[in-house]
Amino acid sequence: MCVYAKENPEHFAICLDSILAQTRLPDEFIIVKDGPLTDELENIIQNLQFPGEFIIIALPENVTQGPARAEGVKAAKNEWIAIMDSDDICRPDRLEKQLQMIEQNPELGLIG
Protein backbone atom coordinates (compact mmCIF):
# COMPACT_ATOMS: atom_id res chain seq x y z
CA MET A 1 0.00 0.00 0.00
CA CYS A 2 1.25 3.45 -0.91
CA VAL A 3 0.31 6.59 0.95
CA TYR A 4 1.17 10.21 0.20
CA ALA A 5 0.79 13.55 1.95
CA LYS A 6 -2.59 14.49 0.44
CA GLU A 7 -4.33 11.33 1.66
CA ASN A 8 -7.26 11.92 4.00
CA PRO A 9 -6.10 10.62 7.42
CA GLU A 10 -9.58 9.45 8.37
CA HIS A 11 -9.92 7.39 5.18
CA PHE A 12 -6.42 5.99 5.66
CA ALA A 13 -7.20 4.90 9.24
CA ILE A 14 -10.44 3.20 8.13
CA CYS A 15 -8.53 1.43 5.36
CA LEU A 16 -5.95 0.11 7.82
CA ASP A 17 -8.69 -1.02 10.20
CA SER A 18 -10.24 -3.03 7.36
CA ILE A 19 -6.93 -4.86 6.89
CA LEU A 20 -6.63 -5.62 10.60
CA ALA A 21 -10.20 -7.00 10.57
CA GLN A 22 -9.47 -9.62 7.90
CA THR A 23 -10.47 -13.21 8.60
CA ARG A 24 -7.11 -14.17 7.07
CA LEU A 25 -4.40 -11.61 7.80
CA PRO A 26 -1.55 -11.21 5.33
CA ASP A 27 1.85 -12.63 6.33
CA GLU A 28 3.44 -9.25 5.76
CA PHE A 29 2.21 -5.72 5.34
CA ILE A 30 4.19 -3.18 3.35
CA ILE A 31 3.50 0.55 3.44
CA VAL A 32 5.35 2.79 1.01
CA LYS A 33 5.45 6.40 2.13
CA ASP A 34 5.47 8.21 -1.21
CA GLY A 35 7.41 11.26 -0.08
CA PRO A 36 7.11 13.10 3.24
CA LEU A 37 3.76 12.67 5.01
CA THR A 38 1.77 14.87 7.33
CA ASP A 39 2.25 14.37 11.06
CA GLU A 40 -1.26 12.92 11.29
CA LEU A 41 -0.54 10.25 8.64
CA GLU A 42 2.81 9.46 10.27
CA ASN A 43 1.10 8.99 13.64
CA ILE A 44 -1.42 6.58 12.13
CA ILE A 45 1.40 4.47 10.70
CA GLN A 46 3.45 4.58 13.90
CA ASN A 47 0.46 3.45 15.98
CA LEU A 48 -0.48 0.57 13.69
CA GLN A 49 -0.39 -2.73 15.56
CA PHE A 50 0.03 -5.29 12.78
CA PRO A 51 0.72 -8.79 14.16
CA GLY A 52 2.81 -10.01 11.22
CA GLU A 53 5.86 -8.63 9.47
CA PHE A 54 5.42 -4.87 9.03
CA ILE A 55 7.67 -3.11 6.52
CA ILE A 56 7.77 0.65 5.98
CA ILE A 57 9.54 2.04 2.95
CA ALA A 58 10.08 5.80 3.05
CA LEU A 59 10.76 7.47 -0.29
CA PRO A 60 12.46 10.88 0.04
CA GLU A 61 10.11 12.50 -2.47
CA ASN A 62 6.75 11.82 -4.08
CA VAL A 63 7.31 9.67 -7.18
CA THR A 64 3.61 8.91 -7.84
CA GLN A 65 1.70 5.71 -7.23
CA GLY A 66 3.14 3.48 -9.97
CA PRO A 67 6.83 3.85 -9.10
CA ALA A 68 6.05 3.88 -5.35
CA ARG A 69 4.01 0.68 -5.68
CA ALA A 70 6.89 -0.92 -7.62
CA GLU A 71 9.15 -0.31 -4.59
CA GLY A 72 6.66 -2.13 -2.39
CA VAL A 73 6.45 -5.05 -4.82
CA LYS A 74 10.26 -5.33 -4.81
CA ALA A 75 10.22 -5.63 -1.02
CA ALA A 76 7.49 -8.31 -0.95
CA LYS A 77 8.60 -11.81 0.01
CA ASN A 78 5.51 -13.80 -0.96
CA GLU A 79 4.43 -15.17 -4.30
CA TRP A 80 1.06 -13.42 -4.12
CA ILE A 81 0.64 -9.72 -3.36
CA ALA A 82 -2.66 -8.10 -2.37
CA ILE A 83 -2.57 -4.50 -3.56
CA MET A 84 -4.70 -1.80 -1.95
CA ASP A 85 -5.03 1.93 -2.28
CA SER A 86 -4.73 3.89 0.94
CA ASP A 87 -8.43 4.76 0.89
CA ASP A 88 -9.80 1.28 0.01
CA ILE A 89 -11.99 -0.54 2.48
CA CYS A 90 -11.92 -4.34 2.38
CA ARG A 91 -14.71 -6.68 3.30
CA PRO A 92 -13.48 -8.78 6.24
CA ASP A 93 -13.21 -11.92 4.09
CA ARG A 94 -11.48 -10.36 1.08
CA LEU A 95 -8.09 -12.00 1.54
CA GLU A 96 -9.55 -15.31 2.65
CA LYS A 97 -11.74 -15.52 -0.47
CA GLN A 98 -8.88 -14.51 -2.75
CA LEU A 99 -6.58 -17.14 -1.23
CA GLN A 100 -9.28 -19.78 -1.63
CA MET A 101 -9.61 -18.81 -5.30
CA ILE A 102 -5.85 -19.16 -5.76
CA GLU A 103 -5.80 -22.58 -4.07
CA GLN A 104 -8.72 -23.82 -6.18
CA ASN A 105 -7.30 -22.39 -9.43
CA PRO A 106 -3.49 -22.61 -9.35
CA GLU A 107 -3.28 -21.59 -13.01
CA LEU A 108 -4.42 -18.06 -12.16
CA GLY A 109 -1.92 -15.24 -12.42
CA LEU A 110 -4.11 -12.37 -11.24
CA ILE A 111 -7.38 -11.99 -9.34
CA GLY A 112 -9.38 -9.03 -8.17
C-alpha atoms as a PDB file:
ATOM      1  CA  MET A   1       0.000   0.000   0.000  1.00  0.00           C
ATOM      2  CA  CYS A   2       1.254   3.448  -0.908  1.00  0.00           C
ATOM      3  CA  VAL A   3       0.315   6.593   0.954  1.00  0.00           C
ATOM      4  CA  TYR A   4       1.173  10.214   0.205  1.00  0.00           C
ATOM      5  CA  ALA A   5       0.792  13.551   1.950  1.00  0.00           C
ATOM      6  CA  LYS A   6      -2.587  14.487   0.443  1.00  0.00           C
ATOM      7  CA  GLU A   7      -4.326  11.329   1.661  1.00  0.00           C
ATOM      8  CA  ASN A   8      -7.259  11.921   4.000  1.00  0.00           C
ATOM      9  CA  PRO A   9      -6.095  10.621   7.418  1.00  0.00           C
ATOM     10  CA  GLU A  10      -9.582   9.447   8.374  1.00  0.00           C
ATOM     11  CA  HIS A  11      -9.921   7.394   5.179  1.00  0.00           C
ATOM     12  CA  PHE A  12      -6.417   5.989   5.661  1.00  0.00           C
ATOM     13  CA  ALA A  13      -7.199   4.901   9.239  1.00  0.00           C
ATOM     14  CA  ILE A  14     -10.438   3.203   8.133  1.00  0.00           C
ATOM     15  CA  CYS A  15      -8.535   1.435   5.362  1.00  0.00           C
ATOM     16  CA  LEU A  16      -5.947   0.114   7.823  1.00  0.00           C
ATOM     17  CA  ASP A  17      -8.694  -1.016  10.200  1.00  0.00           C
ATOM     18  CA  SER A  18     -10.240  -3.029   7.359  1.00  0.00           C
ATOM     19  CA  ILE A  19      -6.934  -4.857   6.891  1.00  0.00           C
ATOM     20  CA  LEU A  20      -6.629  -5.621  10.596  1.00  0.00           C
ATOM     21  CA  ALA A  21     -10.200  -6.999  10.574  1.00  0.00           C
ATOM     22  CA  GLN A  22      -9.467  -9.616   7.897  1.00  0.00           C
ATOM     23  CA  THR A  23     -10.473 -13.212   8.604  1.00  0.00           C
ATOM     24  CA  ARG A  24      -7.107 -14.169   7.070  1.00  0.00           C
ATOM     25  CA  LEU A  25      -4.405 -11.611   7.803  1.00  0.00           C
ATOM     26  CA  PRO A  26      -1.550 -11.207   5.333  1.00  0.00           C
ATOM     27  CA  ASP A  27       1.846 -12.633   6.326  1.00  0.00           C
ATOM     28  CA  GLU A  28       3.438  -9.251   5.763  1.00  0.00           C
ATOM     29  CA  PHE A  29       2.207  -5.723   5.337  1.00  0.00           C
ATOM     30  CA  ILE A  30       4.195  -3.179   3.353  1.00  0.00           C
ATOM     31  CA  ILE A  31       3.498   0.547   3.438  1.00  0.00           C
ATOM     32  CA  VAL A  32       5.354   2.785   1.013  1.00  0.00           C
ATOM     33  CA  LYS A  33       5.454   6.399   2.134  1.00  0.00           C
ATOM     34  CA  ASP A  34       5.469   8.206  -1.208  1.00  0.00           C
ATOM     35  CA  GLY A  35       7.414  11.257  -0.077  1.00  0.00           C
ATOM     36  CA  PRO A  36       7.107  13.099   3.244  1.00  0.00           C
ATOM     37  CA  LEU A  37       3.765  12.668   5.014  1.00  0.00           C
ATOM     38  CA  THR A  38       1.775  14.873   7.335  1.00  0.00           C
ATOM     39  CA  ASP A  39       2.246  14.368  11.065  1.00  0.00           C
ATOM     40  CA  GLU A  40      -1.256  12.918  11.286  1.00  0.00           C
ATOM     41  CA  LEU A  41      -0.544  10.251   8.641  1.00  0.00           C
ATOM     42  CA  GLU A  42       2.811   9.465  10.271  1.00  0.00           C
ATOM     43  CA  ASN A  43       1.096   8.990  13.643  1.00  0.00           C
ATOM     44  CA  ILE A  44      -1.423   6.580  12.135  1.00  0.00           C
ATOM     45  CA  ILE A  45       1.399   4.470  10.701  1.00  0.00           C
ATOM     46  CA  GLN A  46       3.452   4.585  13.901  1.00  0.00           C
ATOM     47  CA  ASN A  47       0.455   3.448  15.980  1.00  0.00           C
ATOM     48  CA  LEU A  48      -0.482   0.565  13.685  1.00  0.00           C
ATOM     49  CA  GLN A  49      -0.392  -2.731  15.561  1.00  0.00           C
ATOM     50  CA  PHE A  50       0.034  -5.291  12.780  1.00  0.00           C
ATOM     51  CA  PRO A  51       0.716  -8.789  14.164  1.00  0.00           C
ATOM     52  CA  GLY A  52       2.808 -10.014  11.216  1.00  0.00           C
ATOM     53  CA  GLU A  53       5.856  -8.633   9.470  1.00  0.00           C
ATOM     54  CA  PHE A  54       5.425  -4.874   9.028  1.00  0.00           C
ATOM     55  CA  ILE A  55       7.667  -3.107   6.523  1.00  0.00           C
ATOM     56  CA  ILE A  56       7.770   0.650   5.985  1.00  0.00           C
ATOM     57  CA  ILE A  57       9.544   2.040   2.947  1.00  0.00           C
ATOM     58  CA  ALA A  58      10.081   5.801   3.051  1.00  0.00           C
ATOM     59  CA  LEU A  59      10.756   7.474  -0.288  1.00  0.00           C
ATOM     60  CA  PRO A  60      12.460  10.876   0.037  1.00  0.00           C
ATOM     61  CA  GLU A  61      10.112  12.500  -2.474  1.00  0.00           C
ATOM     62  CA  ASN A  62       6.753  11.815  -4.079  1.00  0.00           C
ATOM     63  CA  VAL A  63       7.307   9.669  -7.176  1.00  0.00           C
ATOM     64  CA  THR A  64       3.605   8.908  -7.838  1.00  0.00           C
ATOM     65  CA  GLN A  65       1.702   5.713  -7.231  1.00  0.00           C
ATOM     66  CA  GLY A  66       3.138   3.480  -9.973  1.00  0.00           C
ATOM     67  CA  PRO A  67       6.834   3.853  -9.097  1.00  0.00           C
ATOM     68  CA  ALA A  68       6.047   3.878  -5.353  1.00  0.00           C
ATOM     69  CA  ARG A  69       4.012   0.680  -5.682  1.00  0.00           C
ATOM     70  CA  ALA A  70       6.886  -0.915  -7.620  1.00  0.00           C
ATOM     71  CA  GLU A  71       9.146  -0.306  -4.589  1.00  0.00           C
ATOM     72  CA  GLY A  72       6.661  -2.130  -2.394  1.00  0.00           C
ATOM     73  CA  VAL A  73       6.452  -5.052  -4.818  1.00  0.00           C
ATOM     74  CA  LYS A  74      10.256  -5.327  -4.812  1.00  0.00           C
ATOM     75  CA  ALA A  75      10.220  -5.633  -1.019  1.00  0.00           C
ATOM     76  CA  ALA A  76       7.490  -8.312  -0.945  1.00  0.00           C
ATOM     77  CA  LYS A  77       8.602 -11.810   0.014  1.00  0.00           C
ATOM     78  CA  ASN A  78       5.514 -13.801  -0.958  1.00  0.00           C
ATOM     79  CA  GLU A  79       4.434 -15.170  -4.298  1.00  0.00           C
ATOM     80  CA  TRP A  80       1.057 -13.421  -4.119  1.00  0.00           C
ATOM     81  CA  ILE A  81       0.638  -9.720  -3.365  1.00  0.00           C
ATOM     82  CA  ALA A  82      -2.658  -8.096  -2.365  1.00  0.00           C
ATOM     83  CA  ILE A  83      -2.569  -4.504  -3.558  1.00  0.00           C
ATOM     84  CA  MET A  84      -4.697  -1.803  -1.953  1.00  0.00           C
ATOM     85  CA  ASP A  85      -5.028   1.926  -2.282  1.00  0.00           C
ATOM     86  CA  SER A  86      -4.733   3.893   0.942  1.00  0.00           C
ATOM     87  CA  ASP A  87      -8.429   4.755   0.894  1.00  0.00           C
ATOM     88  CA  ASP A  88      -9.798   1.285   0.012  1.00  0.00           C
ATOM     89  CA  ILE A  89     -11.994  -0.539   2.482  1.00  0.00           C
ATOM     90  CA  CYS A  90     -11.922  -4.343   2.385  1.00  0.00           C
ATOM     91  CA  ARG A  91     -14.708  -6.676   3.300  1.00  0.00           C
ATOM     92  CA  PRO A  92     -13.484  -8.776   6.240  1.00  0.00           C
ATOM     93  CA  ASP A  93     -13.209 -11.920   4.088  1.00  0.00           C
ATOM     94  CA  ARG A  94     -11.476 -10.356   1.077  1.00  0.00           C
ATOM     95  CA  LEU A  95      -8.085 -11.997   1.536  1.00  0.00           C
ATOM     96  CA  GLU A  96      -9.554 -15.312   2.652  1.00  0.00           C
ATOM     97  CA  LYS A  97     -11.741 -15.519  -0.473  1.00  0.00           C
ATOM     98  CA  GLN A  98      -8.884 -14.513  -2.748  1.00  0.00           C
ATOM     99  CA  LEU A  99      -6.578 -17.144  -1.232  1.00  0.00           C
ATOM    100  CA  GLN A 100      -9.283 -19.784  -1.635  1.00  0.00           C
ATOM    101  CA  MET A 101      -9.611 -18.814  -5.295  1.00  0.00           C
ATOM    102  CA  ILE A 102      -5.847 -19.158  -5.765  1.00  0.00           C
ATOM    103  CA  GLU A 103      -5.801 -22.577  -4.072  1.00  0.00           C
ATOM    104  CA  GLN A 104      -8.722 -23.821  -6.183  1.00  0.00           C
ATOM    105  CA  ASN A 105      -7.296 -22.395  -9.433  1.00  0.00           C
ATOM    106  CA  PRO A 106      -3.487 -22.607  -9.353  1.00  0.00           C
ATOM    107  CA  GLU A 107      -3.279 -21.594 -13.009  1.00  0.00           C
ATOM    108  CA  LEU A 108      -4.422 -18.058 -12.163  1.00  0.00           C
ATOM    109  CA  GLY A 109      -1.918 -15.242 -12.424  1.00  0.00           C
ATOM    110  CA  LEU A 110      -4.109 -12.367 -11.236  1.00  0.00           C
ATOM    111  CA  ILE A 111      -7.375 -11.995  -9.339  1.00  0.00           C
ATOM    112  CA  GLY A 112      -9.385  -9.031  -8.170  1.00  0.00           C
END
